[in-house]
């Protein structure tokens, strides 16, 4: 199967006819080709977006809302086929894609389709000066959206939905590793009567296609989710052109567990927060710190539950852990396991590749729990982004805070305690963009989302996203 670029409402081959293999992680086989788009392809997509911008930016809020909600409905109508495509491309269980990824993608369009109708301007009367100020929120123009491979359609739509709702036209690049559902979304957009050129999707490598989007002088804003090193490169390229940037980058998130927590709920949720999507979620709690008085009990119970997780083919309804996204990523995660051992880490369970019968060349790995001696070891400081977690005890609130904050990242943190005063103290002091208390991954799309430190700049979600994708203009009238 050949995936094509989506430019001006049409499906097109790359201009230079360069193609990349698209792999199925569950069996390690090539099942299609995708474009490796060039600078010329990006320019064509930009020109298409530029031509569509004037009309799209002047459409009524109600019309934009109607189209976005229609896209949402069509995604829901095609839930099963999109979930299967996402699983085939990414390696995650079909059940996960069906209950999380595709419903959330649909929700993104519905939420921002509704939110734009409630996104009001501000006005300020200058008392005594006979003047009034009001703020216009105007679309930027053509914007670039670049999304990662771990939650392909979920995060792709998290960017393009608010961009389109705000009246912008988009040049978007999904990950070259997981392009399928973005391609299928193109067909949905045509069925929903999204005007030609409003959304353009170009496929290809980051160093070619992504670079062309970032360095294009007339693409005025970049929304990117991915690795910290890539984010730093984007910031360096974009800075001389004064582009607006929203960068959601890496995470090495602490999961802090106190003895006064609701134990059963904590244990169940911690297994999920450690290994959901094979640990390939930027919000996974990959560093687990447990109060010393309950550490041995937690270690025993946690390992027992992790060992019960089934590693298997994504289409198997009983599978808990599917395939990692690529062979190179599997090798990277395995390398970190060896690094952890060399640093003195003790493997409590997992750590080995898994062979699934009938799919022997797939990229499968046991969920791995490693007990470490120091919070400063590499496996506790560097983002692994796989089914590997570290655990170690702590003796005091201050020690837990120090270890939690002693990394370069600051995306999320999870805190388990029934002490309200401790909750308020630690939530205030944890260096993270989001803190979950006695839960994990509970999301309200109205809330701001993003990280601090090396986890990025800017915020997505709710009106924060609509503010990012608009420019504020103040108008002052004297009367």
Protein backbone atom coordinates (compact mmCIF):
# COMPACT_ATOMS: atom_id res chain seq x y z
CA UNK A 1 0.00 0.00 0.00
CA UNK A 2 1.23 3.49 -0.87
CA UNK A 3 0.29 6.33 1.43
CA UNK A 4 0.19 9.70 -0.33
CA UNK A 5 0.50 13.31 0.69
CA UNK A 6 -2.72 15.29 1.14
CA UNK A 7 -2.39 18.69 -0.52
CA UNK A 8 -5.22 21.01 -1.51
CA UNK A 9 -7.76 18.26 -0.86
CA UNK A 10 -6.02 15.84 -3.23
CA UNK A 11 -3.81 12.78 -2.73
CA UNK A 12 -0.42 13.18 -4.39
CA UNK A 13 2.86 11.31 -4.75
CA UNK A 14 6.02 13.08 -3.57
CA UNK A 15 7.49 15.33 -6.25
CA UNK A 16 10.90 13.61 -6.18
CA UNK A 17 9.27 10.15 -6.00
CA UNK A 18 11.19 9.21 -2.83
CA UNK A 19 9.54 6.60 -0.61
CA UNK A 20 10.08 5.10 2.83
CA UNK A 21 9.20 1.61 4.07
CA UNK A 22 6.36 1.43 6.58
CA UNK A 23 6.74 -1.43 9.07
CA UNK A 24 4.22 -3.42 11.07
CA UNK A 25 5.85 -3.70 14.54
CA UNK A 26 3.88 -6.82 15.46
CA UNK A 27 5.62 -8.93 12.82
CA UNK A 28 8.59 -6.80 11.72
CA UNK A 29 7.43 -6.77 8.09
CA UNK A 30 7.06 -3.92 5.60
CA UNK A 31 3.42 -3.47 4.72
CA UNK A 32 3.47 -0.23 2.77
CA UNK A 33 5.33 2.82 1.50
CA UNK A 34 5.10 6.46 2.53
CA UNK A 35 6.44 9.60 0.87
CA UNK A 36 9.70 11.12 2.01
CA UNK A 37 8.58 14.59 1.09
CA UNK A 38 11.03 17.25 -0.02
CA UNK A 39 11.21 21.00 0.46
CA UNK A 40 9.26 21.32 -2.79
CA UNK A 41 6.40 19.21 -1.41
CA UNK A 42 6.26 21.39 1.70
CA UNK A 43 6.27 24.52 -0.45
CA UNK A 44 3.36 23.17 -2.48
CA UNK A 45 1.48 22.41 0.74
CA UNK A 46 2.22 25.91 2.03
CA UNK A 47 0.96 27.56 -1.16
CA UNK A 48 -2.21 25.52 -0.90
CA UNK A 49 -2.72 26.60 2.70
CA UNK A 50 -1.92 30.21 1.89
CA UNK A 51 -4.51 30.27 -0.88
CA UNK A 52 -7.18 28.80 1.41
CA UNK A 53 -6.45 31.05 4.40
CA UNK A 54 -8.35 34.17 3.42
CA UNK A 55 -11.63 32.33 2.92
CA UNK A 56 -11.22 29.95 5.89
CA UNK A 57 -10.26 32.72 8.32
CA UNK A 58 -13.44 34.60 7.41
CA UNK A 59 -15.81 31.68 7.88
CA UNK A 60 -18.21 32.03 10.77
CA UNK A 61 -17.42 30.32 14.05
CA UNK A 62 -20.55 28.25 13.61
CA UNK A 63 -19.39 26.97 10.21
CA UNK A 64 -15.95 26.01 11.50
CA UNK A 65 -17.58 24.36 14.49
CA UNK A 66 -19.97 22.39 12.27
CA UNK A 67 -17.15 21.00 10.12
CA UNK A 68 -14.96 20.00 13.07
CA UNK A 69 -17.84 18.27 14.81
CA UNK A 70 -18.66 16.44 11.57
CA UNK A 71 -15.07 15.16 11.45
CA UNK A 72 -15.51 13.98 15.03
CA UNK A 73 -18.68 12.10 14.14
CA UNK A 74 -17.07 10.42 11.13
CA UNK A 75 -14.15 9.28 13.28
CA UNK A 76 -16.58 7.72 15.73
CA UNK A 77 -18.44 6.04 12.87
CA UNK A 78 -15.15 4.46 11.75
CA UNK A 79 -13.84 3.58 15.20
CA UNK A 80 -13.00 -0.06 14.51
CA UNK A 81 -11.15 0.49 11.22
CA UNK A 82 -9.13 3.40 12.66
CA UNK A 83 -8.26 1.40 15.80
CA UNK A 84 -7.04 -1.53 13.71
CA UNK A 85 -4.99 0.79 11.50
CA UNK A 86 -3.44 2.49 14.54
CA UNK A 87 -2.54 -0.84 16.07
CA UNK A 88 -1.03 -2.16 12.85
CA UNK A 89 1.11 0.96 12.48
CA UNK A 90 2.15 1.42 16.11
CA UNK A 91 2.09 -2.03 17.72
CA UNK A 92 -0.29 -1.10 20.54
CA UNK A 93 -3.20 -3.39 21.42
CA UNK A 94 -6.29 -2.81 19.28
CA UNK A 95 -8.28 -2.66 22.51
CA UNK A 96 -6.23 0.33 23.67
CA UNK A 97 -6.58 2.17 20.38
CA UNK A 98 -10.31 1.48 20.40
CA UNK A 99 -10.92 2.71 23.95
CA UNK A 100 -8.37 5.55 24.15
CA UNK A 101 -6.64 6.76 20.99
CA UNK A 102 -9.45 7.03 18.48
CA UNK A 103 -12.15 8.22 20.92
CA UNK A 104 -9.77 10.91 22.16
CA UNK A 105 -9.00 12.00 18.60
CA UNK A 106 -12.72 12.39 17.98
CA UNK A 107 -13.08 14.27 21.26
CA UNK A 108 -10.36 16.70 20.22
CA UNK A 109 -12.34 17.79 17.17
CA UNK A 110 -15.62 17.98 19.10
CA UNK A 111 -14.08 19.87 22.01
CA UNK A 112 -12.39 22.56 19.92
CA UNK A 113 -15.35 22.73 17.56
CA UNK A 114 -17.41 23.76 20.56
CA UNK A 115 -14.69 25.75 22.37
CA UNK A 116 -14.18 28.20 19.51
CA UNK A 117 -17.78 29.37 19.86
CA UNK A 118 -17.08 30.26 23.51
CA UNK A 119 -13.68 31.91 22.97
CA UNK A 120 -14.59 35.52 23.77
CA UNK A 121 -12.69 38.77 23.33
CA UNK A 122 -11.90 41.02 26.28
CA UNK A 123 -12.85 44.66 26.64
CA UNK A 124 -11.70 47.29 29.14
CA UNK A 125 -13.25 50.67 29.68
CA UNK A 126 -10.71 53.37 30.54
CA UNK A 127 -12.72 55.27 33.10
CA UNK A 128 -12.12 59.03 33.07
CA UNK A 129 -10.39 58.91 29.69
CA UNK A 130 -13.47 58.40 27.54
CA UNK A 131 -11.92 55.36 25.88
CA UNK A 132 -12.54 51.67 25.53
CA UNK A 133 -10.04 48.95 24.69
CA UNK A 134 -10.97 45.63 23.20
CA UNK A 135 -8.89 42.66 22.14
CA UNK A 136 -9.17 40.94 18.79
CA UNK A 137 -8.06 37.31 18.60
CA UNK A 138 -7.03 36.77 14.99
CA UNK A 139 -5.70 33.61 13.32
CA UNK A 140 -1.97 33.58 12.64
CA UNK A 141 -2.11 32.34 9.04
CA UNK A 142 -0.36 29.15 7.99
CA UNK A 143 0.94 27.08 10.91
CA UNK A 144 3.00 23.90 11.16
CA UNK A 145 1.99 20.91 13.29
CA UNK A 146 4.45 18.04 13.84
CA UNK A 147 3.35 15.05 15.91
CA UNK A 148 5.04 11.91 17.33
CA UNK A 149 4.60 8.16 16.91
CA UNK A 150 3.47 7.05 20.36
CA UNK A 151 -0.14 8.33 20.22
CA UNK A 152 -0.33 9.00 16.49
CA UNK A 153 -3.88 10.21 15.80
CA UNK A 154 -4.55 11.30 19.39
CA UNK A 155 -1.70 13.86 19.37
CA UNK A 156 -2.01 14.74 15.68
CA UNK A 157 -5.58 15.92 16.22
CA UNK A 158 -4.66 17.57 19.54
CA UNK A 159 -2.70 20.05 17.42
CA UNK A 160 -4.62 20.46 14.20
CA UNK A 161 -8.10 20.72 15.78
CA UNK A 162 -7.41 23.97 17.71
CA UNK A 163 -5.37 25.35 14.82
CA UNK A 164 -8.26 24.87 12.41
CA UNK A 165 -10.85 26.02 14.96
CA UNK A 166 -8.98 29.30 15.39
CA UNK A 167 -9.15 29.96 11.64
CA UNK A 168 -5.63 28.94 10.60
CA UNK A 169 -4.61 26.73 7.72
CA UNK A 170 -2.22 23.91 8.51
CA UNK A 171 0.79 22.13 7.05
CA UNK A 172 1.10 19.00 9.19
CA UNK A 173 3.58 16.15 9.42
CA UNK A 174 2.75 12.96 11.32
CA UNK A 175 5.57 10.68 12.39
CA UNK A 176 7.09 8.76 9.50
CA UNK A 177 6.92 5.66 11.73
CA UNK A 178 3.13 5.83 12.19
CA UNK A 179 1.53 7.66 9.23
CA UNK A 180 -1.53 5.53 8.54
CA UNK A 181 -4.28 7.14 10.61
CA UNK A 182 -3.26 10.65 9.53
CA UNK A 183 -3.65 9.43 5.96
CA UNK A 184 -7.08 7.99 6.74
CA UNK A 185 -8.02 11.25 8.44
CA UNK A 186 -7.45 13.00 5.10
CA UNK A 187 -10.31 10.99 3.62
CA UNK A 188 -12.51 11.89 6.60
CA UNK A 189 -11.78 15.59 6.08
CA UNK A 190 -12.93 15.40 2.47
CA UNK A 191 -16.13 13.63 3.53
CA UNK A 192 -16.75 16.36 6.12
CA UNK A 193 -16.40 19.02 3.38
CA UNK A 194 -13.37 20.70 4.92
CA UNK A 195 -12.42 23.26 2.24
CA UNK A 196 -9.47 22.36 0.05
CA UNK A 197 -6.11 23.58 1.30
CA UNK A 198 -7.22 24.23 4.87
CA UNK A 199 -5.41 21.09 6.05
CA UNK A 200 -2.38 19.73 4.19
CA UNK A 201 -0.51 16.61 5.33
CA UNK A 202 3.02 15.89 4.13
CA UNK A 203 4.76 12.68 5.12
CA UNK A 204 8.46 12.08 5.55
CA UNK A 205 11.52 12.18 7.77
CA UNK A 206 12.10 14.86 10.34
CA UNK A 207 15.44 15.88 8.85
CA UNK A 208 13.87 16.50 5.44
CA UNK A 209 10.12 17.12 5.66
CA UNK A 210 10.03 18.36 9.26
CA UNK A 211 13.04 20.59 8.70
CA UNK A 212 11.40 22.15 5.65
CA UNK A 213 8.29 23.01 7.68
CA UNK A 214 10.26 24.50 10.57
CA UNK A 215 12.57 26.62 8.41
CA UNK A 216 9.85 27.87 6.06
CA UNK A 217 9.88 31.67 6.50
CA UNK A 218 6.12 32.08 6.05
CA UNK A 219 4.93 29.33 8.38
CA UNK A 220 4.42 31.55 11.40
CA UNK A 221 3.99 29.05 14.25
CA UNK A 222 5.18 25.53 15.04
CA UNK A 223 3.45 23.11 17.40
CA UNK A 224 5.70 20.11 18.03
CA UNK A 225 5.56 17.07 20.26
CA UNK A 226 8.61 14.83 20.44
CA UNK A 227 12.11 14.48 21.85
CA UNK A 228 13.90 17.19 23.79
CA UNK A 229 16.92 17.27 21.46
CA UNK A 230 14.66 17.78 18.44
CA UNK A 231 12.76 20.48 20.31
CA UNK A 232 16.01 22.32 21.01
CA UNK A 233 16.90 22.14 17.31
CA UNK A 234 13.49 23.51 16.31
CA UNK A 235 13.87 26.40 18.76
CA UNK A 236 17.29 27.23 17.32
CA UNK A 237 16.03 27.22 13.73
CA UNK A 238 12.84 29.14 14.50
CA UNK A 239 14.32 31.84 16.75
CA UNK A 240 15.75 34.13 14.03
CA UNK A 241 12.35 34.13 12.29
CA UNK A 242 10.47 34.91 15.55
CA UNK A 243 8.05 32.03 15.10
CA UNK A 244 5.59 31.18 17.85
CA UNK A 245 6.56 27.85 19.38
CA UNK A 246 4.72 25.25 21.42
CA UNK A 247 7.09 22.41 22.30
CA UNK A 248 5.85 19.41 24.28
CA UNK A 249 8.99 17.38 24.87
CA UNK A 250 10.32 14.51 26.95
CA UNK A 251 9.45 13.34 30.43
CA UNK A 252 10.96 11.30 33.24
CA UNK A 253 8.02 11.40 35.57
CA UNK A 254 8.08 10.58 39.29
CA UNK A 255 5.43 8.43 40.94
CA UNK A 256 5.62 9.15 44.69
CA UNK A 257 3.79 6.70 46.96
CA UNK A 258 3.19 7.31 50.66
CA UNK A 259 2.10 4.65 53.12
CA UNK A 260 -1.19 6.41 53.83
CA UNK A 261 -2.44 5.97 50.26
CA UNK A 262 -5.44 3.93 49.16
CA UNK A 263 -3.29 0.87 48.53
CA UNK A 264 -5.36 -1.26 46.15
CA UNK A 265 -6.27 1.62 43.86
CA UNK A 266 -2.68 2.86 43.91
CA UNK A 267 -1.31 -0.56 42.98
CA UNK A 268 -3.74 -1.06 40.09
CA UNK A 269 -3.16 2.44 38.73
CA UNK A 270 0.63 2.26 39.12
CA UNK A 271 0.78 -0.84 36.94
CA UNK A 272 -1.21 1.03 34.30
CA UNK A 273 0.78 4.26 34.62
CA UNK A 274 4.02 2.31 34.24
CA UNK A 275 3.20 0.14 31.23
CA UNK A 276 0.27 1.60 29.29
CA UNK A 277 1.07 1.66 25.57
CA UNK A 278 4.23 -0.35 26.31
CA UNK A 279 5.46 2.56 28.45
CA UNK A 280 5.57 4.69 25.32
CA UNK A 281 3.63 7.64 26.75
CA UNK A 282 5.42 10.82 27.77
CA UNK A 283 3.28 10.86 30.94
CA UNK A 284 4.12 7.36 32.19
CA UNK A 285 5.44 7.24 35.74
CA UNK A 286 8.83 5.70 35.01
CA UNK A 287 10.46 6.55 38.39
CA UNK A 288 8.64 5.00 41.33
CA UNK A 289 9.54 6.22 44.82
CA UNK A 290 7.90 4.35 47.72
CA UNK A 291 7.86 5.25 51.41
CA UNK A 292 10.28 2.89 53.17
CA UNK A 293 7.74 1.55 55.68
CA UNK A 294 5.73 -0.11 52.89
CA UNK A 295 8.45 -0.58 50.29
CA UNK A 296 8.91 -4.35 50.61
CA UNK A 297 5.16 -5.02 50.48
CA UNK A 298 4.78 -2.77 47.43
CA UNK A 299 7.74 -4.38 45.69
CA UNK A 300 6.33 -7.87 46.14
CA UNK A 301 2.77 -6.97 45.09
CA UNK A 302 3.82 -4.75 42.19
CA UNK A 303 6.17 -7.32 40.68
CA UNK A 304 3.48 -9.99 41.01
CA UNK A 305 0.99 -7.88 39.07
CA UNK A 306 3.53 -6.91 36.40
CA UNK A 307 4.46 -10.56 35.85
CA UNK A 308 0.78 -11.30 35.20
CA UNK A 309 0.64 -8.87 32.27
CA UNK A 310 0.36 -10.65 28.94
CA UNK A 311 2.75 -9.73 26.16
CA UNK A 312 1.16 -10.63 22.86
CA UNK A 313 -0.06 -9.72 19.42
CA UNK A 314 -1.99 -6.44 19.39
CA UNK A 315 -5.12 -8.04 17.92
CA UNK A 316 -5.44 -10.48 20.84
CA UNK A 317 -8.09 -9.12 23.20
CA UNK A 318 -6.17 -10.53 26.17
CA UNK A 319 -2.95 -8.69 25.31
CA UNK A 320 -1.80 -6.10 27.83
CA UNK A 321 1.59 -5.31 26.29
CA UNK A 322 1.84 -5.11 22.51
CA UNK A 323 4.87 -4.55 20.30
CA UNK A 324 7.27 -1.64 20.62
CA UNK A 325 7.06 0.76 17.73
CA UNK A 326 10.25 -0.19 15.84
CA UNK A 327 13.27 -2.46 15.86
CA UNK A 328 15.61 0.45 16.59
CA UNK A 329 13.49 1.57 19.52
CA UNK A 330 13.41 -1.96 20.94
CA UNK A 331 17.21 -2.04 20.72
CA UNK A 332 17.45 1.34 22.47
CA UNK A 333 15.29 0.13 25.36
CA UNK A 334 17.31 -3.10 25.65
CA UNK A 335 20.50 -1.04 25.77
CA UNK A 336 19.12 0.90 28.74
CA UNK A 337 18.32 -2.33 30.55
CA UNK A 338 21.98 -3.34 30.18
CA UNK A 339 23.08 0.12 31.34
CA UNK A 340 20.92 -0.29 34.43
CA UNK A 341 22.46 -3.66 35.23
CA UNK A 342 25.96 -2.25 34.84
CA UNK A 343 25.05 0.56 37.22
CA UNK A 344 24.10 -1.97 39.89
CA UNK A 345 20.39 -2.14 39.18
CA UNK A 346 18.60 -5.37 40.04
CA UNK A 347 16.03 -6.75 37.60
CA UNK A 348 13.03 -7.81 39.67
CA UNK A 349 11.08 -9.00 36.65
CA UNK A 350 11.24 -8.76 32.85
CA UNK A 351 14.21 -7.49 30.91
CA UNK A 352 13.98 -9.98 28.04
CA UNK A 353 12.69 -9.98 24.50
CA UNK A 354 9.52 -11.99 23.90
CA UNK A 355 8.80 -14.24 20.95
CA UNK A 356 5.11 -14.34 20.07
CA UNK A 357 4.11 -17.49 18.21
CA UNK A 358 3.40 -16.78 14.57
CA UNK A 359 4.97 -13.31 14.85
CA UNK A 360 8.53 -14.23 15.71
CA UNK A 361 10.04 -11.11 14.12
CA UNK A 362 7.88 -8.67 16.08
CA UNK A 363 9.34 -6.13 18.51
CA UNK A 364 8.17 -7.52 21.85
CA UNK A 365 9.68 -6.95 25.29
CA UNK A 366 8.74 -8.07 28.80
CA UNK A 367 7.56 -5.31 31.15
CA UNK A 368 10.60 -4.64 33.29
CA UNK A 369 10.93 -3.54 36.92
CA UNK A 370 14.42 -2.53 38.08
CA UNK A 371 15.39 -1.84 41.67
CA UNK A 372 18.09 0.83 41.81
CA UNK A 373 20.54 2.02 44.44
CA UNK A 374 20.79 5.69 43.50
CA UNK A 375 18.33 8.13 41.98
CA UNK A 376 21.24 9.63 40.02
CA UNK A 377 21.89 6.56 37.85
CA UNK A 378 21.32 6.95 34.10
CA UNK A 379 18.23 4.75 33.95
CA UNK A 380 16.64 7.05 36.52
CA UNK A 381 17.73 10.27 34.83
CA UNK A 382 17.35 9.63 31.09
CA UNK A 383 14.13 9.05 29.18
CA UNK A 384 13.86 5.39 28.15
CA UNK A 385 10.31 5.58 26.75
CA UNK A 386 9.54 1.91 26.99
CA UNK A 387 8.18 -0.75 29.38
CA UNK A 388 10.90 -0.17 31.98
CA UNK A 389 10.45 1.41 35.42
CA UNK A 390 12.81 1.94 38.34
CA UNK A 391 11.84 1.64 41.99
CA UNK A 392 13.54 2.73 45.21
CA UNK A 393 12.48 3.67 48.76
CA UNK A 394 12.47 7.05 50.49
CA UNK A 395 12.34 8.00 54.17
CA UNK A 396 10.91 11.51 54.23
CA UNK A 397 8.80 13.96 52.28
CA UNK A 398 11.84 16.18 51.70
CA UNK A 399 13.85 13.26 50.32
CA UNK A 400 11.03 12.28 47.97
CA UNK A 401 10.75 15.84 46.69
CA UNK A 402 14.49 16.14 46.17
CA UNK A 403 14.65 12.93 44.14
CA UNK A 404 11.49 13.75 42.16
CA UNK A 405 12.82 17.15 41.10
CA UNK A 406 16.43 16.06 40.50
CA UNK A 407 16.08 15.50 36.74
CA UNK A 408 16.21 17.84 33.77
CA UNK A 409 12.59 17.05 32.88
CA UNK A 410 9.37 18.40 34.35
CA UNK A 411 6.34 17.11 32.49
CA UNK A 412 4.14 15.32 35.04
CA UNK A 413 4.20 13.84 38.52
CA UNK A 414 1.92 11.45 40.40
CA UNK A 415 1.40 11.62 44.15
CA UNK A 416 -0.34 9.00 46.28
CA UNK A 417 -1.39 10.17 49.76
CA UNK A 418 -4.54 10.83 51.76
CA UNK A 419 -2.90 13.65 53.73
CA UNK A 420 -4.43 16.90 52.46
CA UNK A 421 -1.72 19.14 53.89
CA UNK A 422 0.99 16.99 52.26
CA UNK A 423 -0.95 17.07 48.99
CA UNK A 424 -0.98 20.86 48.99
CA UNK A 425 2.68 21.19 50.01
CA UNK A 426 4.05 18.75 47.49
CA UNK A 427 1.82 19.76 44.59
CA UNK A 428 3.16 23.27 45.02
CA UNK A 429 6.80 22.16 45.11
CA UNK A 430 6.89 19.43 42.45
CA UNK A 431 8.53 20.78 39.30
CA UNK A 432 6.03 19.57 36.73
CA UNK A 433 3.44 20.93 34.35
CA UNK A 434 0.77 18.60 35.73
CA UNK A 435 0.44 16.84 39.09
CA UNK A 436 -1.98 13.96 39.54
CA UNK A 437 -3.00 13.14 43.11
CA UNK A 438 -4.44 9.67 43.76
CA UNK A 439 -5.03 9.15 40.04
CA UNK A 440 -3.20 9.13 36.71
CA UNK A 441 -4.04 10.26 33.19
CA UNK A 442 -7.32 11.80 34.22
CA UNK A 443 -7.64 14.56 31.63
CA UNK A 444 -10.03 17.46 31.24
CA UNK A 445 -9.56 19.06 27.83
CA UNK A 446 -10.26 22.50 29.29
CA UNK A 447 -7.07 22.43 31.36
CA UNK A 448 -3.61 23.60 30.24
CA UNK A 449 -1.10 20.90 29.36
CA UNK A 450 2.68 21.15 28.97
CA UNK A 451 5.96 20.88 30.80
CA UNK A 452 8.73 22.86 32.46
CA UNK A 453 12.52 22.62 32.20
CA UNK A 454 13.55 20.26 29.39
CA UNK A 455 9.97 19.06 28.99
CA UNK A 456 9.12 22.02 26.82
CA UNK A 457 7.65 25.48 26.52
CA UNK A 458 4.08 26.65 26.01
CA UNK A 459 0.78 25.04 26.87
CA UNK A 460 -1.78 23.07 24.89
CA UNK A 461 -5.41 22.37 25.74
CA UNK A 462 -8.52 24.48 26.25
CA UNK A 463 -8.29 28.19 25.63
CA UNK A 464 -4.49 27.97 26.01
CA UNK A 465 -4.35 26.22 22.64
CA UNK A 466 -6.67 28.76 21.04
CA UNK A 467 -4.52 31.58 22.45
CA UNK A 468 -1.42 29.98 20.96
CA UNK A 469 -2.99 29.68 17.52
CA UNK A 470 -4.16 33.33 17.49
CA UNK A 471 -2.54 36.74 17.71
CA UNK A 472 -3.91 39.26 20.19
CA UNK A 473 -4.53 42.74 18.81
CA UNK A 474 -5.63 45.58 21.09
CA UNK A 475 -7.93 48.27 19.65
CA UNK A 476 -8.30 51.52 21.62
CA UNK A 477 -11.15 53.87 20.77
CA UNK A 478 -11.59 57.30 22.29
CA UNK A 479 -15.15 58.56 22.31
